Structures are given as structure tokens and as C-alpha cells.
PDB file of all heavy atoms in Angstrom:
ATOM      1  N   HIS A   1       6.711   5.121   7.415  1.00  0.00           N
ATOM      2  CA  HIS A   1       5.794   4.009   7.637  1.00  0.00           C
ATOM      3  C   HIS A   1       5.974   3.009   6.504  1.00  0.00           C
ATOM      4  O   HIS A   1       6.328   3.378   5.382  1.00  0.00           O
ATOM      5  CB  HIS A   1       4.354   4.522   7.672  1.00  0.00           C
ATOM      6  CG  HIS A   1       3.360   3.476   8.024  1.00  0.00           C
ATOM      7  ND1 HIS A   1       2.462   2.956   7.110  1.00  0.00           N
ATOM      8  CD2 HIS A   1       3.111   2.830   9.201  1.00  0.00           C
ATOM      9  CE1 HIS A   1       1.697   2.056   7.716  1.00  0.00           C
ATOM     10  NE2 HIS A   1       2.069   1.958   8.979  1.00  0.00           N
ATOM     11  N   HIS A   2       5.733   1.743   6.772  1.00  0.00           N
ATOM     12  CA  HIS A   2       6.040   0.724   5.765  1.00  0.00           C
ATOM     13  C   HIS A   2       5.215   0.884   4.495  1.00  0.00           C
ATOM     14  O   HIS A   2       5.690   0.543   3.408  1.00  0.00           O
ATOM     15  CB  HIS A   2       5.908  -0.684   6.340  1.00  0.00           C
ATOM     16  CG  HIS A   2       4.511  -1.166   6.577  1.00  0.00           C
ATOM     17  ND1 HIS A   2       3.584  -0.476   7.332  1.00  0.00           N
ATOM     18  CD2 HIS A   2       3.860  -2.307   6.165  1.00  0.00           C
ATOM     19  CE1 HIS A   2       2.448  -1.154   7.369  1.00  0.00           C
ATOM     20  NE2 HIS A   2       2.583  -2.256   6.673  1.00  0.00           N
ATOM     21  N   THR A   3       4.005   1.445   4.589  1.00  0.00           N
ATOM     22  CA  THR A   3       3.233   1.656   3.362  1.00  0.00           C
ATOM     23  C   THR A   3       3.879   2.731   2.489  1.00  0.00           C
ATOM     24  O   THR A   3       3.955   2.588   1.263  1.00  0.00           O
ATOM     25  CB  THR A   3       1.787   2.053   3.692  1.00  0.00           C
ATOM     26  OG1 THR A   3       1.792   3.230   4.519  1.00  0.00           O
ATOM     27  CG2 THR A   3       1.066   0.934   4.425  1.00  0.00           C
ATOM     28  N   SER A   4       4.349   3.802   3.112  1.00  0.00           N
ATOM     29  CA  SER A   4       5.027   4.857   2.354  1.00  0.00           C
ATOM     30  C   SER A   4       6.326   4.330   1.749  1.00  0.00           C
ATOM     31  O   SER A   4       6.667   4.655   0.599  1.00  0.00           O
ATOM     32  CB  SER A   4       5.338   6.053   3.264  1.00  0.00           C
ATOM     33  OG  SER A   4       4.174   6.545   3.876  1.00  0.00           O
ATOM     34  N   TYR A   5       7.052   3.524   2.519  1.00  0.00           N
ATOM     35  CA  TYR A   5       8.343   3.018   2.034  1.00  0.00           C
ATOM     36  C   TYR A   5       8.136   2.037   0.881  1.00  0.00           C
ATOM     37  O   TYR A   5       8.873   2.083  -0.123  1.00  0.00           O
ATOM     38  CB  TYR A   5       9.096   2.352   3.181  1.00  0.00           C
ATOM     39  CG  TYR A   5      10.543   2.061   2.860  1.00  0.00           C
ATOM     40  CD1 TYR A   5      11.423   3.105   2.553  1.00  0.00           C
ATOM     41  CD2 TYR A   5      11.037   0.760   2.862  1.00  0.00           C
ATOM     42  CE1 TYR A   5      12.753   2.846   2.256  1.00  0.00           C
ATOM     43  CE2 TYR A   5      12.366   0.498   2.573  1.00  0.00           C
ATOM     44  CZ  TYR A   5      13.214   1.536   2.268  1.00  0.00           C
ATOM     45  OH  TYR A   5      14.538   1.281   1.980  1.00  0.00           O
ATOM     46  N   MET A   6       7.144   1.165   0.996  1.00  0.00           N
ATOM     47  CA  MET A   6       6.873   0.247  -0.116  1.00  0.00           C
ATOM     48  C   MET A   6       6.450   1.014  -1.358  1.00  0.00           C
ATOM     49  O   MET A   6       6.800   0.621  -2.490  1.00  0.00           O
ATOM     50  CB  MET A   6       5.796  -0.759   0.289  1.00  0.00           C
ATOM     51  CG  MET A   6       6.257  -1.799   1.291  1.00  0.00           C
ATOM     52  SD  MET A   6       5.067  -3.151   1.583  1.00  0.00           S
ATOM     53  CE  MET A   6       3.732  -2.274   2.389  1.00  0.00           C
ATOM     54  N   ASN A   7       5.740   2.110  -1.169  1.00  0.00           N
ATOM     55  CA  ASN A   7       5.353   2.932  -2.310  1.00  0.00           C
ATOM     56  C   ASN A   7       6.575   3.549  -2.976  1.00  0.00           C
ATOM     57  O   ASN A   7       6.659   3.626  -4.213  1.00  0.00           O
ATOM     58  CB  ASN A   7       4.388   4.024  -1.847  1.00  0.00           C
ATOM     59  CG  ASN A   7       3.711   4.732  -2.999  1.00  0.00           C
ATOM     60  OD1 ASN A   7       3.304   4.103  -3.976  1.00  0.00           O
ATOM     61  ND2 ASN A   7       3.602   6.049  -2.903  1.00  0.00           N
ATOM     62  N   GLU A   8       7.552   3.984  -2.169  1.00  0.00           N
ATOM     63  CA  GLU A   8       8.808   4.510  -2.723  1.00  0.00           C
ATOM     64  C   GLU A   8       9.552   3.432  -3.499  1.00  0.00           C
ATOM     65  O   GLU A   8      10.084   3.692  -4.597  1.00  0.00           O
ATOM     66  CB  GLU A   8       9.694   5.029  -1.597  1.00  0.00           C
ATOM     67  CG  GLU A   8       9.230   6.325  -0.962  1.00  0.00           C
ATOM     68  CD  GLU A   8      10.216   6.821   0.079  1.00  0.00           C
ATOM     69  OE1 GLU A   8      11.437   6.654  -0.132  1.00  0.00           O
ATOM     70  OE2 GLU A   8       9.771   7.361   1.108  1.00  0.00           O
ATOM     71  N   LEU A   9       9.623   2.226  -2.938  1.00  0.00           N
ATOM     72  CA  LEU A   9      10.317   1.128  -3.620  1.00  0.00           C
ATOM     73  C   LEU A   9       9.645   0.806  -4.949  1.00  0.00           C
ATOM     74  O   LEU A   9      10.318   0.557  -5.963  1.00  0.00           O
ATOM     75  CB  LEU A   9      10.336  -0.108  -2.723  1.00  0.00           C
ATOM     76  CG  LEU A   9      11.121   0.000  -1.411  1.00  0.00           C
ATOM     77  CD1 LEU A   9      10.935  -1.267  -0.579  1.00  0.00           C
ATOM     78  CD2 LEU A   9      12.600   0.260  -1.671  1.00  0.00           C
ATOM     79  N   LEU A  10       8.326   0.824  -4.952  1.00  0.00           N
ATOM     80  CA  LEU A  10       7.587   0.532  -6.177  1.00  0.00           C
ATOM     81  C   LEU A  10       7.836   1.611  -7.221  1.00  0.00           C
ATOM     82  O   LEU A  10       8.081   1.316  -8.402  1.00  0.00           O
ATOM     83  CB  LEU A  10       6.099   0.426  -5.858  1.00  0.00           C
ATOM     84  CG  LEU A  10       5.179  -0.017  -7.005  1.00  0.00           C
ATOM     85  CD1 LEU A  10       5.505  -1.442  -7.434  1.00  0.00           C
ATOM     86  CD2 LEU A  10       3.719   0.074  -6.579  1.00  0.00           C
ATOM     87  N   ALA A  11       7.796   2.877  -6.799  1.00  0.00           N
ATOM     88  CA  ALA A  11       8.026   3.985  -7.727  1.00  0.00           C
ATOM     89  C   ALA A  11       9.442   3.968  -8.283  1.00  0.00           C
ATOM     90  O   ALA A  11       9.679   4.399  -9.429  1.00  0.00           O
ATOM     91  CB  ALA A  11       7.754   5.313  -7.027  1.00  0.00           C
ATOM     92  N   ALA A  12      10.390   3.466  -7.500  1.00  0.00           N
ATOM     93  CA  ALA A  12      11.788   3.412  -7.951  1.00  0.00           C
ATOM     94  C   ALA A  12      12.069   2.193  -8.817  1.00  0.00           C
ATOM     95  O   ALA A  12      13.207   2.001  -9.267  1.00  0.00           O
ATOM     96  CB  ALA A  12      12.713   3.413  -6.737  1.00  0.00           C
ATOM     97  N   GLY A  13      11.076   1.360  -9.045  1.00  0.00           N
ATOM     98  CA  GLY A  13      11.257   0.185  -9.884  1.00  0.00           C
ATOM     99  C   GLY A  13      11.967  -0.964  -9.195  1.00  0.00           C
ATOM    100  O   GLY A  13      12.462  -1.880  -9.864  1.00  0.00           O
ATOM    101  N   ARG A  14      11.972  -0.951  -7.887  1.00  0.00           N
ATOM    102  CA  ARG A  14      12.680  -2.005  -7.151  1.00  0.00           C
ATOM    103  C   ARG A  14      11.771  -3.175  -6.788  1.00  0.00           C
ATOM    104  O   ARG A  14      12.232  -4.162  -6.221  1.00  0.00           O
ATOM    105  CB  ARG A  14      13.318  -1.418  -5.887  1.00  0.00           C
ATOM    106  CG  ARG A  14      14.373  -0.370  -6.185  1.00  0.00           C
ATOM    107  CD  ARG A  14      14.904   0.327  -4.939  1.00  0.00           C
ATOM    108  NE  ARG A  14      15.676  -0.561  -4.086  1.00  0.00           N
ATOM    109  CZ  ARG A  14      16.315  -0.164  -2.975  1.00  0.00           C
ATOM    110  NH1 ARG A  14      16.254   1.115  -2.612  1.00  0.00           N
ATOM    111  NH2 ARG A  14      16.987  -1.035  -2.247  1.00  0.00           N
ATOM    112  N   LEU A  15      10.489  -3.058  -7.094  1.00  0.00           N
ATOM    113  CA  LEU A  15       9.536  -4.133  -6.827  1.00  0.00           C
ATOM    114  C   LEU A  15       8.752  -4.454  -8.093  1.00  0.00           C
ATOM    115  O   LEU A  15       8.367  -3.556  -8.843  1.00  0.00           O
ATOM    116  CB  LEU A  15       8.557  -3.735  -5.721  1.00  0.00           C
ATOM    117  CG  LEU A  15       9.095  -3.615  -4.293  1.00  0.00           C
ATOM    118  CD1 LEU A  15       8.013  -3.071  -3.374  1.00  0.00           C
ATOM    119  CD2 LEU A  15       9.601  -4.961  -3.787  1.00  0.00           C
ATOM    120  N   SER A  16       8.513  -5.737  -8.306  1.00  0.00           N
ATOM    121  CA  SER A  16       7.663  -6.188  -9.408  1.00  0.00           C
ATOM    122  C   SER A  16       6.469  -6.925  -8.812  1.00  0.00           C
ATOM    123  O   SER A  16       6.633  -7.778  -7.930  1.00  0.00           O
ATOM    124  CB  SER A  16       8.447  -7.120 -10.341  1.00  0.00           C
ATOM    125  OG  SER A  16       9.523  -6.420 -10.951  1.00  0.00           O
ATOM    126  N   LEU A  17       5.291  -6.603  -9.307  1.00  0.00           N
ATOM    127  CA  LEU A  17       4.063  -7.168  -8.749  1.00  0.00           C
ATOM    128  C   LEU A  17       3.247  -7.860  -9.830  1.00  0.00           C
ATOM    129  O   LEU A  17       3.255  -7.453 -11.002  1.00  0.00           O
ATOM    130  CB  LEU A  17       3.214  -6.066  -8.102  1.00  0.00           C
ATOM    131  CG  LEU A  17       3.864  -5.239  -6.991  1.00  0.00           C
ATOM    132  CD1 LEU A  17       2.921  -4.110  -6.567  1.00  0.00           C
ATOM    133  CD2 LEU A  17       4.218  -6.113  -5.801  1.00  0.00           C
ATOM    134  N   ASP A  18       2.542  -8.886  -9.420  1.00  0.00           N
ATOM    135  CA  ASP A  18       1.616  -9.590 -10.301  1.00  0.00           C
ATOM    136  C   ASP A  18       0.256  -9.594  -9.623  1.00  0.00           C
ATOM    137  O   ASP A  18      -0.014 -10.388  -8.713  1.00  0.00           O
ATOM    138  CB  ASP A  18       2.104 -11.020 -10.551  1.00  0.00           C
ATOM    139  CG  ASP A  18       1.177 -11.786 -11.497  1.00  0.00           C
ATOM    140  OD1 ASP A  18       0.187 -11.184 -11.973  1.00  0.00           O
ATOM    141  OD2 ASP A  18       1.431 -12.983 -11.751  1.00  0.00           O
ATOM    142  N   GLY A  19      -0.607  -8.697 -10.062  1.00  0.00           N
ATOM    143  CA  GLY A  19      -1.913  -8.563  -9.449  1.00  0.00           C
ATOM    144  C   GLY A  19      -2.785  -9.785  -9.609  1.00  0.00           C
ATOM    145  O   GLY A  19      -3.721  -9.994  -8.820  1.00  0.00           O
ATOM    146  N   ASP A  20      -2.500 -10.634 -10.595  1.00  0.00           N
ATOM    147  CA  ASP A  20      -3.315 -11.827 -10.808  1.00  0.00           C
ATOM    148  C   ASP A  20      -3.245 -12.775  -9.613  1.00  0.00           C
ATOM    149  O   ASP A  20      -4.149 -13.583  -9.398  1.00  0.00           O
ATOM    150  CB  ASP A  20      -2.864 -12.558 -12.073  1.00  0.00           C
ATOM    151  CG  ASP A  20      -3.193 -11.767 -13.339  1.00  0.00           C
ATOM    152  OD1 ASP A  20      -4.080 -10.890 -13.257  1.00  0.00           O
ATOM    153  OD2 ASP A  20      -2.567 -12.017 -14.378  1.00  0.00           O
ATOM    154  N   LYS A  21      -2.172 -12.677  -8.838  1.00  0.00           N
ATOM    155  CA  LYS A  21      -2.038 -13.542  -7.665  1.00  0.00           C
ATOM    156  C   LYS A  21      -3.082 -13.210  -6.594  1.00  0.00           C
ATOM    157  O   LYS A  21      -3.296 -14.001  -5.671  1.00  0.00           O
ATOM    158  CB  LYS A  21      -0.638 -13.409  -7.075  1.00  0.00           C
ATOM    159  CG  LYS A  21       0.472 -13.937  -7.975  1.00  0.00           C
ATOM    160  CD  LYS A  21       1.822 -13.829  -7.278  1.00  0.00           C
ATOM    161  CE  LYS A  21       2.935 -14.407  -8.141  1.00  0.00           C
ATOM    162  NZ  LYS A  21       4.255 -14.354  -7.448  1.00  0.00           N
ATOM    163  N   LEU A  22      -3.680 -12.035  -6.711  1.00  0.00           N
ATOM    164  CA  LEU A  22      -4.675 -11.606  -5.727  1.00  0.00           C
ATOM    165  C   LEU A  22      -6.088 -11.628  -6.293  1.00  0.00           C
ATOM    166  O   LEU A  22      -7.019 -11.095  -5.685  1.00  0.00           O
ATOM    167  CB  LEU A  22      -4.353 -10.185  -5.241  1.00  0.00           C
ATOM    168  CG  LEU A  22      -2.962  -9.961  -4.638  1.00  0.00           C
ATOM    169  CD1 LEU A  22      -2.777  -8.483  -4.274  1.00  0.00           C
ATOM    170  CD2 LEU A  22      -2.750 -10.833  -3.421  1.00  0.00           C
ATOM    171  N   ALA A  23      -6.242 -12.246  -7.462  1.00  0.00           N
ATOM    172  CA  ALA A  23      -7.526 -12.189  -8.164  1.00  0.00           C
ATOM    173  C   ALA A  23      -8.666 -12.802  -7.354  1.00  0.00           C
ATOM    174  O   ALA A  23      -9.829 -12.426  -7.518  1.00  0.00           O
ATOM    175  CB  ALA A  23      -7.405 -12.884  -9.516  1.00  0.00           C
ATOM    176  N   ASN A  24      -8.338 -13.757  -6.478  1.00  0.00           N
ATOM    177  CA  ASN A  24      -9.397 -14.447  -5.729  1.00  0.00           C
ATOM    178  C   ASN A  24      -9.792 -13.731  -4.445  1.00  0.00           C
ATOM    179  O   ASN A  24     -10.652 -14.211  -3.705  1.00  0.00           O
ATOM    180  CB  ASN A  24      -8.951 -15.872  -5.383  1.00  0.00           C
ATOM    181  CG  ASN A  24      -7.739 -15.876  -4.455  1.00  0.00           C
ATOM    182  OD1 ASN A  24      -6.927 -14.955  -4.491  1.00  0.00           O
ATOM    183  ND2 ASN A  24      -7.612 -16.924  -3.653  1.00  0.00           N
ATOM    184  N   LEU A  25      -9.193 -12.568  -4.165  1.00  0.00           N
ATOM    185  CA  LEU A  25      -9.487 -11.872  -2.912  1.00  0.00           C
ATOM    186  C   LEU A  25     -10.803 -11.115  -2.950  1.00  0.00           C
ATOM    187  O   LEU A  25     -11.448 -10.923  -1.928  1.00  0.00           O
ATOM    188  CB  LEU A  25      -8.352 -10.892  -2.571  1.00  0.00           C
ATOM    189  CG  LEU A  25      -7.072 -11.486  -1.988  1.00  0.00           C
ATOM    190  CD1 LEU A  25      -6.081 -10.377  -1.683  1.00  0.00           C
ATOM    191  CD2 LEU A  25      -7.366 -12.285  -0.726  1.00  0.00           C
ATOM    192  N   GLY A  26     -11.200 -10.628  -4.111  1.00  0.00           N
ATOM    193  CA  GLY A  26     -12.399  -9.810  -4.196  1.00  0.00           C
ATOM    194  C   GLY A  26     -12.099  -8.346  -3.916  1.00  0.00           C
ATOM    195  O   GLY A  26     -10.945  -7.898  -3.940  1.00  0.00           O
ATOM    196  N   ALA A  27     -13.133  -7.593  -3.621  1.00  0.00           N
ATOM    197  CA  ALA A  27     -12.983  -6.155  -3.388  1.00  0.00           C
ATOM    198  C   ALA A  27     -12.310  -5.898  -2.040  1.00  0.00           C
ATOM    199  O   ALA A  27     -12.445  -6.679  -1.092  1.00  0.00           O
ATOM    200  CB  ALA A  27     -14.343  -5.465  -3.440  1.00  0.00           C
ATOM    201  N   VAL A  28     -11.594  -4.767  -1.978  1.00  0.00           N
ATOM    202  CA  VAL A  28     -10.830  -4.397  -0.791  1.00  0.00           C
ATOM    203  C   VAL A  28     -11.221  -2.985  -0.370  1.00  0.00           C
ATOM    204  O   VAL A  28     -11.476  -2.112  -1.212  1.00  0.00           O
ATOM    205  CB  VAL A  28      -9.310  -4.454  -1.064  1.00  0.00           C
ATOM    206  CG1 VAL A  28      -8.522  -3.985   0.161  1.00  0.00           C
ATOM    207  CG2 VAL A  28      -8.888  -5.859  -1.454  1.00  0.00           C
ATOM    208  N   THR A  29     -11.273  -2.743   0.928  1.00  0.00           N
ATOM    209  CA  THR A  29     -11.418  -1.381   1.447  1.00  0.00           C
ATOM    210  C   THR A  29     -10.246  -1.089   2.362  1.00  0.00           C
ATOM    211  O   THR A  29      -9.729  -1.994   3.028  1.00  0.00           O
ATOM    212  CB  THR A  29     -12.755  -1.197   2.191  1.00  0.00           C
ATOM    213  OG1 THR A  29     -12.939   0.179   2.510  1.00  0.00           O
ATOM    214  CG2 THR A  29     -12.815  -2.005   3.479  1.00  0.00           C
ATOM    215  N   TRP A  30      -9.798   0.144   2.366  1.00  0.00           N
ATOM    216  CA  TRP A  30      -8.633   0.537   3.175  1.00  0.00           C
ATOM    217  C   TRP A  30      -9.101   1.272   4.424  1.00  0.00           C
ATOM    218  O   TRP A  30      -9.883   2.213   4.355  1.00  0.00           O
ATOM    219  CB  TRP A  30      -7.701   1.428   2.362  1.00  0.00           C
ATOM    220  CG  TRP A  30      -6.637   2.122   3.183  1.00  0.00           C
ATOM    221  CD1 TRP A  30      -6.553   3.444   3.487  1.00  0.00           C
ATOM    222  CD2 TRP A  30      -5.500   1.508   3.810  1.00  0.00           C
ATOM    223  NE1 TRP A  30      -5.452   3.703   4.270  1.00  0.00           N
ATOM    224  CE2 TRP A  30      -4.774   2.533   4.483  1.00  0.00           C
ATOM    225  CE3 TRP A  30      -5.017   0.191   3.877  1.00  0.00           C
ATOM    226  CZ2 TRP A  30      -3.611   2.286   5.206  1.00  0.00           C
ATOM    227  CZ3 TRP A  30      -3.849  -0.057   4.592  1.00  0.00           C
ATOM    228  CH2 TRP A  30      -3.159   0.977   5.237  1.00  0.00           C
ATOM    229  N   HIS A  31      -8.601   0.817   5.574  1.00  0.00           N
ATOM    230  CA  HIS A  31      -8.872   1.471   6.854  1.00  0.00           C
ATOM    231  C   HIS A  31      -7.695   2.374   7.191  1.00  0.00           C
ATOM    232  O   HIS A  31      -6.570   1.902   7.371  1.00  0.00           O
ATOM    233  CB  HIS A  31      -9.071   0.425   7.951  1.00  0.00           C
ATOM    234  CG  HIS A  31      -9.000   0.993   9.339  1.00  0.00           C
ATOM    235  ND1 HIS A  31      -9.998   1.793   9.861  1.00  0.00           N
ATOM    236  CD2 HIS A  31      -8.043   0.902  10.303  1.00  0.00           C
ATOM    237  CE1 HIS A  31      -9.656   2.150  11.096  1.00  0.00           C
ATOM    238  NE2 HIS A  31      -8.476   1.631  11.374  1.00  0.00           N
ATOM    239  N   ASP A  32      -7.943   3.688   7.265  1.00  0.00           N
ATOM    240  CA  ASP A  32      -6.882   4.647   7.563  1.00  0.00           C
ATOM    241  C   ASP A  32      -6.553   4.635   9.055  1.00  0.00           C
ATOM    242  O   ASP A  32      -7.407   5.011   9.879  1.00  0.00           O
ATOM    243  CB  ASP A  32      -7.319   6.064   7.172  1.00  0.00           C
ATOM    244  CG  ASP A  32      -7.429   6.257   5.682  1.00  0.00           C
ATOM    245  OD1 ASP A  32      -6.397   6.540   5.058  1.00  0.00           O
ATOM    246  OD2 ASP A  32      -8.554   6.120   5.155  1.00  0.00           O
ATOM    247  N   PRO A  33      -5.349   4.213   9.450  1.00  0.00           N
ATOM    248  CA  PRO A  33      -4.978   4.302  10.865  1.00  0.00           C
ATOM    249  C   PRO A  33      -4.892   5.766  11.309  1.00  0.00           C
ATOM    250  O   PRO A  33      -4.391   6.620  10.575  1.00  0.00           O
ATOM    251  CB  PRO A  33      -3.594   3.632  10.918  1.00  0.00           C
ATOM    252  CG  PRO A  33      -3.492   2.838   9.652  1.00  0.00           C
ATOM    253  CD  PRO A  33      -4.288   3.581   8.638  1.00  0.00           C
ATOM    254  N   CYS A  34      -5.379   6.054  12.497  1.00  0.00           N
ATOM    255  CA  CYS A  34      -5.397   7.441  12.989  1.00  0.00           C
ATOM    256  C   CYS A  34      -4.000   8.043  13.031  1.00  0.00           C
ATOM    257  O   CYS A  34      -3.791   9.198  12.650  1.00  0.00           O
ATOM    258  CB  CYS A  34      -6.020   7.499  14.373  1.00  0.00           C
ATOM    259  SG  CYS A  34      -7.697   6.836  14.465  1.00  0.00           S
ATOM    260  N   TYR A  35      -3.026   7.265  13.511  1.00  0.00           N
ATOM    261  CA  TYR A  35      -1.691   7.806  13.699  1.00  0.00           C
ATOM    262  C   TYR A  35      -0.890   7.864  12.399  1.00  0.00           C
ATOM    263  O   TYR A  35       0.186   8.448  12.367  1.00  0.00           O
ATOM    264  CB  TYR A  35      -0.930   6.997  14.759  1.00  0.00           C
ATOM    265  CG  TYR A  35      -1.260   7.439  16.161  1.00  0.00           C
ATOM    266  CD1 TYR A  35      -2.487   7.136  16.743  1.00  0.00           C
ATOM    267  CD2 TYR A  35      -0.366   8.190  16.908  1.00  0.00           C
ATOM    268  CE1 TYR A  35      -2.811   7.556  18.020  1.00  0.00           C
ATOM    269  CE2 TYR A  35      -0.674   8.624  18.191  1.00  0.00           C
ATOM    270  CZ  TYR A  35      -1.904   8.297  18.742  1.00  0.00           C
ATOM    271  OH  TYR A  35      -2.211   8.729  20.008  1.00  0.00           O
ATOM    272  N   LEU A  36      -1.410   7.297  11.337  1.00  0.00           N
ATOM    273  CA  LEU A  36      -0.805   7.452  10.016  1.00  0.00           C
ATOM    274  C   LEU A  36      -1.478   8.588   9.256  1.00  0.00           C
ATOM    275  O   LEU A  36      -0.798   9.415   8.645  1.00  0.00           O
ATOM    276  CB  LEU A  36      -0.936   6.159   9.218  1.00  0.00           C
ATOM    277  CG  LEU A  36      -0.329   6.173   7.811  1.00  0.00           C
ATOM    278  CD1 LEU A  36       1.176   6.370   7.858  1.00  0.00           C
ATOM    279  CD2 LEU A  36      -0.681   4.887   7.056  1.00  0.00           C
ATOM    280  N   GLY A  37      -2.809   8.636   9.310  1.00  0.00           N
ATOM    281  CA  GLY A  37      -3.569   9.619   8.554  1.00  0.00           C
ATOM    282  C   GLY A  37      -3.714  10.945   9.264  1.00  0.00           C
ATOM    283  O   GLY A  37      -3.026  11.922   8.944  1.00  0.00           O
ATOM    284  N   ARG A  38      -4.603  11.010  10.239  1.00  0.00           N
ATOM    285  CA  ARG A  38      -4.857  12.296  10.901  1.00  0.00           C
ATOM    286  C   ARG A  38      -3.619  12.862  11.581  1.00  0.00           C
ATOM    287  O   ARG A  38      -3.414  14.073  11.606  1.00  0.00           O
ATOM    288  CB  ARG A  38      -6.000  12.155  11.915  1.00  0.00           C
ATOM    289  CG  ARG A  38      -7.376  12.351  11.319  1.00  0.00           C
ATOM    290  CD  ARG A  38      -8.422  12.445  12.387  1.00  0.00           C
ATOM    291  NE  ARG A  38      -8.599  11.204  13.101  1.00  0.00           N
ATOM    292  CZ  ARG A  38      -9.431  10.229  12.740  1.00  0.00           C
ATOM    293  NH1 ARG A  38     -10.154  10.377  11.641  1.00  0.00           N
ATOM    294  NH2 ARG A  38      -9.554   9.138  13.452  1.00  0.00           N
ATOM    295  N   TYR A  39      -2.809  12.011  12.164  1.00  0.00           N
ATOM    296  CA  TYR A  39      -1.633  12.511  12.873  1.00  0.00           C
ATOM    297  C   TYR A  39      -0.505  12.916  11.935  1.00  0.00           C
ATOM    298  O   TYR A  39       0.247  13.849  12.234  1.00  0.00           O
ATOM    299  CB  TYR A  39      -1.113  11.448  13.850  1.00  0.00           C
ATOM    300  CG  TYR A  39      -1.732  11.523  15.222  1.00  0.00           C
ATOM    301  CD1 TYR A  39      -2.999  10.996  15.468  1.00  0.00           C
ATOM    302  CD2 TYR A  39      -1.069  12.114  16.280  1.00  0.00           C
ATOM    303  CE1 TYR A  39      -3.579  11.059  16.727  1.00  0.00           C
ATOM    304  CE2 TYR A  39      -1.634  12.182  17.547  1.00  0.00           C
ATOM    305  CZ  TYR A  39      -2.893  11.657  17.766  1.00  0.00           C
ATOM    306  OH  TYR A  39      -3.455  11.733  19.022  1.00  0.00           O
ATOM    307  N   ASN A  40      -0.363  12.216  10.815  1.00  0.00           N
ATOM    308  CA  ASN A  40       0.811  12.456   9.970  1.00  0.00           C
ATOM    309  C   ASN A  40       0.501  12.710   8.508  1.00  0.00           C
ATOM    310  O   ASN A  40       1.413  12.891   7.704  1.00  0.00           O
ATOM    311  CB  ASN A  40       1.779  11.269  10.100  1.00  0.00           C
ATOM    312  CG  ASN A  40       2.442  11.231  11.464  1.00  0.00           C
ATOM    313  OD1 ASN A  40       3.364  11.977  11.740  1.00  0.00           O
ATOM    314  ND2 ASN A  40       1.952  10.361  12.352  1.00  0.00           N
ATOM    315  N   GLY A  41      -0.780  12.721   8.146  1.00  0.00           N
ATOM    316  CA  GLY A  41      -1.164  13.169   6.812  1.00  0.00           C
ATOM    317  C   GLY A  41      -0.884  12.205   5.683  1.00  0.00           C
ATOM    318  O   GLY A  41      -0.921  12.600   4.511  1.00  0.00           O
ATOM    319  N   GLU A  42      -0.624  10.937   5.973  1.00  0.00           N
ATOM    320  CA  GLU A  42      -0.358   9.971   4.906  1.00  0.00           C
ATOM    321  C   GLU A  42      -1.643   9.229   4.558  1.00  0.00           C
ATOM    322  O   GLU A  42      -2.097   8.353   5.289  1.00  0.00           O
ATOM    323  CB  GLU A  42       0.725   8.972   5.335  1.00  0.00           C
ATOM    324  CG  GLU A  42       1.055   7.922   4.278  1.00  0.00           C
ATOM    325  CD  GLU A  42       1.501   8.526   2.953  1.00  0.00           C
ATOM    326  OE1 GLU A  42       0.608   8.801   2.096  1.00  0.00           O
ATOM    327  OE2 GLU A  42       2.712   8.738   2.782  1.00  0.00           O
TER     328      GLU A  42
END
């Protein structure tokens, strides 16, 4: 899944992020998709 793959890329040092670019978004909540979470344990 693209979230797992982006996490791998980040862990491998292939992505650089600047969290300040998201400073104006405010608080975030994550919605677990059924077919990602319950079905596949991610």
C-alpha cells in the first residue's frame, strides 16, 4: 500500500520532509481503512 511504501522510502533516507510546510493545517486524525487495517494488519 502506498502508505507502507512511503514509510519504507522515508526509513531508507530517500525522502526529505519539512514539517513546517504543514504548520497551518492544525491537528490531524487518521482514519484506518478497513481493507488496510482489519484485512491486512497495517
